[in-house]
Amino acid sequence: MELSINGQLGDLVFYKRGNTDVVRQKAAHKQQTEASKKSSRDFGSTSRNAAYIRKHLHLWSNFMLMAIS
C-alpha cells in the first residue's frame, strides 16, 4: 500500500513533484520593506488592469465576430 501526503503539518509542507513525494520546511516570515510592499501593490494593480483589458478585448472580439457573421 502506498501512502501519499499533501499539505501542511506544523512547519512541514508535503507535496508531490513529478513522481516523487517531497517534504520541506516552511519559510520563516520575513518583514517586507516599504519598497517590496510598493512593488507588490504595483504588481497587483497592473495585474488587475491587464485582466480588465483582456476581458474587454475578448468581449469586443466576440462582438465583432457576431457583427460580421
N, C-alpha and C. Protein backbone atom coordinates (compact mmCIF):
# COMPACT_ATOMS: atom_id res chain seq x y z
N MET A 1 0.85 -1.18 0.00
CA MET A 1 0.00 0.00 0.00
C MET A 1 0.89 1.24 0.00
N GLU A 2 0.56 2.18 -0.88
CA GLU A 2 1.35 3.41 -0.99
C GLU A 2 0.61 4.55 -0.30
N LEU A 3 1.32 5.34 0.49
CA LEU A 3 0.74 6.47 1.21
C LEU A 3 1.35 7.75 0.67
N SER A 4 0.51 8.68 0.29
CA SER A 4 0.99 9.97 -0.21
C SER A 4 0.33 11.07 0.60
N ILE A 5 1.13 12.01 1.09
CA ILE A 5 0.63 13.11 1.91
C ILE A 5 0.83 14.40 1.14
N ASN A 6 -0.22 15.21 1.09
CA ASN A 6 -0.13 16.54 0.51
C ASN A 6 -0.67 17.52 1.53
N GLY A 7 0.01 18.65 1.70
CA GLY A 7 -0.48 19.66 2.62
C GLY A 7 0.57 20.05 3.62
N GLN A 8 0.10 20.56 4.74
CA GLN A 8 0.98 21.14 5.73
C GLN A 8 0.71 20.52 7.09
N LEU A 9 1.77 20.27 7.83
CA LEU A 9 1.68 19.76 9.18
C LEU A 9 2.70 20.50 10.01
N GLY A 10 2.23 21.41 10.85
CA GLY A 10 3.16 22.25 11.61
C GLY A 10 3.95 23.12 10.65
N ASP A 11 5.29 23.05 10.75
CA ASP A 11 6.12 23.86 9.85
C ASP A 11 6.66 23.03 8.68
N LEU A 12 6.08 21.84 8.46
CA LEU A 12 6.47 21.00 7.33
C LEU A 12 5.42 21.07 6.23
N VAL A 13 5.87 21.09 4.98
CA VAL A 13 4.99 21.12 3.83
C VAL A 13 5.27 19.88 2.99
N PHE A 14 4.23 19.11 2.71
CA PHE A 14 4.34 17.88 1.92
C PHE A 14 3.71 18.13 0.55
N TYR A 15 4.41 17.74 -0.50
CA TYR A 15 3.85 17.87 -1.84
C TYR A 15 4.50 16.88 -2.78
N LYS A 16 3.93 16.75 -3.96
CA LYS A 16 4.43 15.80 -4.95
C LYS A 16 5.07 16.59 -6.08
N ARG A 17 6.27 16.22 -6.48
CA ARG A 17 6.96 16.84 -7.60
C ARG A 17 7.28 15.74 -8.60
N GLY A 18 6.50 15.71 -9.69
CA GLY A 18 6.64 14.59 -10.62
C GLY A 18 6.13 13.33 -9.96
N ASN A 19 6.97 12.32 -9.87
CA ASN A 19 6.60 11.06 -9.21
C ASN A 19 7.19 10.95 -7.81
N THR A 20 7.78 12.03 -7.32
CA THR A 20 8.47 12.00 -6.04
C THR A 20 7.71 12.79 -4.98
N ASP A 21 7.56 12.20 -3.81
CA ASP A 21 6.98 12.93 -2.68
C ASP A 21 8.09 13.75 -2.03
N VAL A 22 7.80 15.02 -1.76
CA VAL A 22 8.81 15.94 -1.23
C VAL A 22 8.30 16.56 0.06
N VAL A 23 9.21 16.78 1.00
CA VAL A 23 8.89 17.46 2.25
C VAL A 23 9.87 18.62 2.40
N ARG A 24 9.35 19.78 2.74
CA ARG A 24 10.23 20.92 3.01
C ARG A 24 9.73 21.65 4.24
N GLN A 25 10.60 22.45 4.80
CA GLN A 25 10.22 23.23 5.97
C GLN A 25 9.69 24.58 5.49
N LYS A 26 8.60 25.04 6.11
CA LYS A 26 8.02 26.31 5.76
C LYS A 26 9.04 27.42 5.96
N ALA A 27 9.03 28.38 5.06
CA ALA A 27 9.95 29.51 5.18
C ALA A 27 9.54 30.37 6.37
N ALA A 28 10.53 30.93 7.02
CA ALA A 28 10.26 31.83 8.14
C ALA A 28 9.68 33.13 7.60
N HIS A 29 8.81 33.76 8.37
CA HIS A 29 8.21 35.02 7.95
C HIS A 29 9.26 36.12 7.99
N LYS A 30 9.39 36.83 6.88
CA LYS A 30 10.33 37.94 6.79
C LYS A 30 9.55 39.24 6.69
N GLN A 31 10.01 40.24 7.37
CA GLN A 31 9.37 41.56 7.32
C GLN A 31 9.64 42.19 5.96
N GLN A 32 8.58 42.61 5.27
CA GLN A 32 8.74 43.25 3.96
C GLN A 32 9.17 44.70 4.14
N THR A 33 10.05 45.14 3.25
CA THR A 33 10.44 46.55 3.26
C THR A 33 9.34 47.36 2.58
N GLU A 34 9.37 48.67 2.77
CA GLU A 34 8.40 49.53 2.10
C GLU A 34 8.51 49.41 0.59
N ALA A 35 9.74 49.24 0.08
CA ALA A 35 9.93 49.11 -1.37
C ALA A 35 9.27 47.84 -1.90
N SER A 36 9.39 46.72 -1.16
CA SER A 36 8.77 45.48 -1.63
C SER A 36 7.25 45.55 -1.51
N LYS A 37 6.74 46.25 -0.50
CA LYS A 37 5.29 46.43 -0.38
C LYS A 37 4.76 47.25 -1.54
N LYS A 38 5.49 48.31 -1.92
CA LYS A 38 5.07 49.14 -3.05
C LYS A 38 5.13 48.33 -4.33
N SER A 39 6.17 47.54 -4.49
CA SER A 39 6.29 46.69 -5.67
C SER A 39 5.13 45.71 -5.76
N SER A 40 4.72 45.13 -4.64
CA SER A 40 3.58 44.21 -4.61
C SER A 40 2.29 44.91 -4.99
N ARG A 41 2.08 46.11 -4.48
CA ARG A 41 0.88 46.88 -4.83
C ARG A 41 0.87 47.21 -6.31
N ASP A 42 2.03 47.63 -6.84
CA ASP A 42 2.12 47.95 -8.27
C ASP A 42 1.82 46.73 -9.13
N PHE A 43 2.36 45.59 -8.75
CA PHE A 43 2.11 44.35 -9.49
C PHE A 43 0.63 44.01 -9.46
N GLY A 44 0.00 44.12 -8.29
CA GLY A 44 -1.42 43.82 -8.16
C GLY A 44 -2.27 44.73 -9.04
N SER A 45 -1.96 46.03 -9.03
CA SER A 45 -2.71 46.99 -9.86
C SER A 45 -2.54 46.67 -11.33
N THR A 46 -1.32 46.40 -11.74
CA THR A 46 -1.05 46.09 -13.14
C THR A 46 -1.76 44.81 -13.55
N SER A 47 -1.76 43.82 -12.68
CA SER A 47 -2.44 42.56 -12.97
C SER A 47 -3.94 42.76 -13.14
N ARG A 48 -4.56 43.54 -12.26
CA ARG A 48 -6.00 43.82 -12.37
C ARG A 48 -6.30 44.58 -13.66
N ASN A 49 -5.47 45.57 -14.00
CA ASN A 49 -5.68 46.33 -15.23
C ASN A 49 -5.54 45.45 -16.46
N ALA A 50 -4.57 44.56 -16.46
CA ALA A 50 -4.37 43.65 -17.59
C ALA A 50 -5.57 42.72 -17.74
N ALA A 51 -6.11 42.23 -16.62
CA ALA A 51 -7.28 41.36 -16.67
C ALA A 51 -8.48 42.11 -17.25
N TYR A 52 -8.64 43.37 -16.87
CA TYR A 52 -9.73 44.20 -17.40
C TYR A 52 -9.59 44.35 -18.91
N ILE A 53 -8.38 44.63 -19.37
CA ILE A 53 -8.12 44.80 -20.80
C ILE A 53 -8.39 43.49 -21.55
N ARG A 54 -7.88 42.37 -21.02
CA ARG A 54 -8.10 41.08 -21.68
C ARG A 54 -9.59 40.77 -21.78
N LYS A 55 -10.32 40.99 -20.69
CA LYS A 55 -11.76 40.70 -20.67
C LYS A 55 -12.48 41.52 -21.73
N HIS A 56 -12.18 42.82 -21.80
CA HIS A 56 -12.90 43.67 -22.73
C HIS A 56 -12.47 43.45 -24.17
N LEU A 57 -11.23 43.09 -24.40
CA LEU A 57 -10.82 42.74 -25.76
C LEU A 57 -11.53 41.48 -26.22
N HIS A 58 -11.69 40.54 -25.31
CA HIS A 58 -12.40 39.29 -25.63
C HIS A 58 -13.86 39.60 -25.97
N LEU A 59 -14.51 40.43 -25.15
CA LEU A 59 -15.91 40.80 -25.42
C LEU A 59 -16.02 41.53 -26.76
N TRP A 60 -15.09 42.44 -27.01
CA TRP A 60 -15.10 43.21 -28.25
C TRP A 60 -14.89 42.30 -29.46
N SER A 61 -13.95 41.35 -29.34
CA SER A 61 -13.69 40.46 -30.48
C SER A 61 -14.91 39.57 -30.74
N ASN A 62 -15.60 39.11 -29.68
CA ASN A 62 -16.82 38.31 -29.88
C ASN A 62 -17.90 39.15 -30.56
N PHE A 63 -18.01 40.40 -30.14
CA PHE A 63 -18.99 41.31 -30.74
C PHE A 63 -18.69 41.52 -32.22
N MET A 64 -17.43 41.71 -32.54
CA MET A 64 -17.03 41.92 -33.94
C MET A 64 -17.28 40.67 -34.77
N LEU A 65 -17.03 39.50 -34.21
CA LEU A 65 -17.29 38.26 -34.94
C LEU A 65 -18.78 38.08 -35.22
N MET A 66 -19.62 38.45 -34.26
CA MET A 66 -21.07 38.35 -34.47
C MET A 66 -21.53 39.38 -35.48
N ALA A 67 -20.91 40.56 -35.50
CA ALA A 67 -21.31 41.63 -36.42
C ALA A 67 -21.00 41.28 -37.87
N ILE A 68 -19.91 40.55 -38.09
CA ILE A 68 -19.54 40.22 -39.48
C ILE A 68 -20.17 38.92 -39.95
N SER A 69 -20.83 38.20 -39.05
CA SER A 69 -21.47 36.93 -39.44
C SER A 69 -22.77 37.16 -40.16
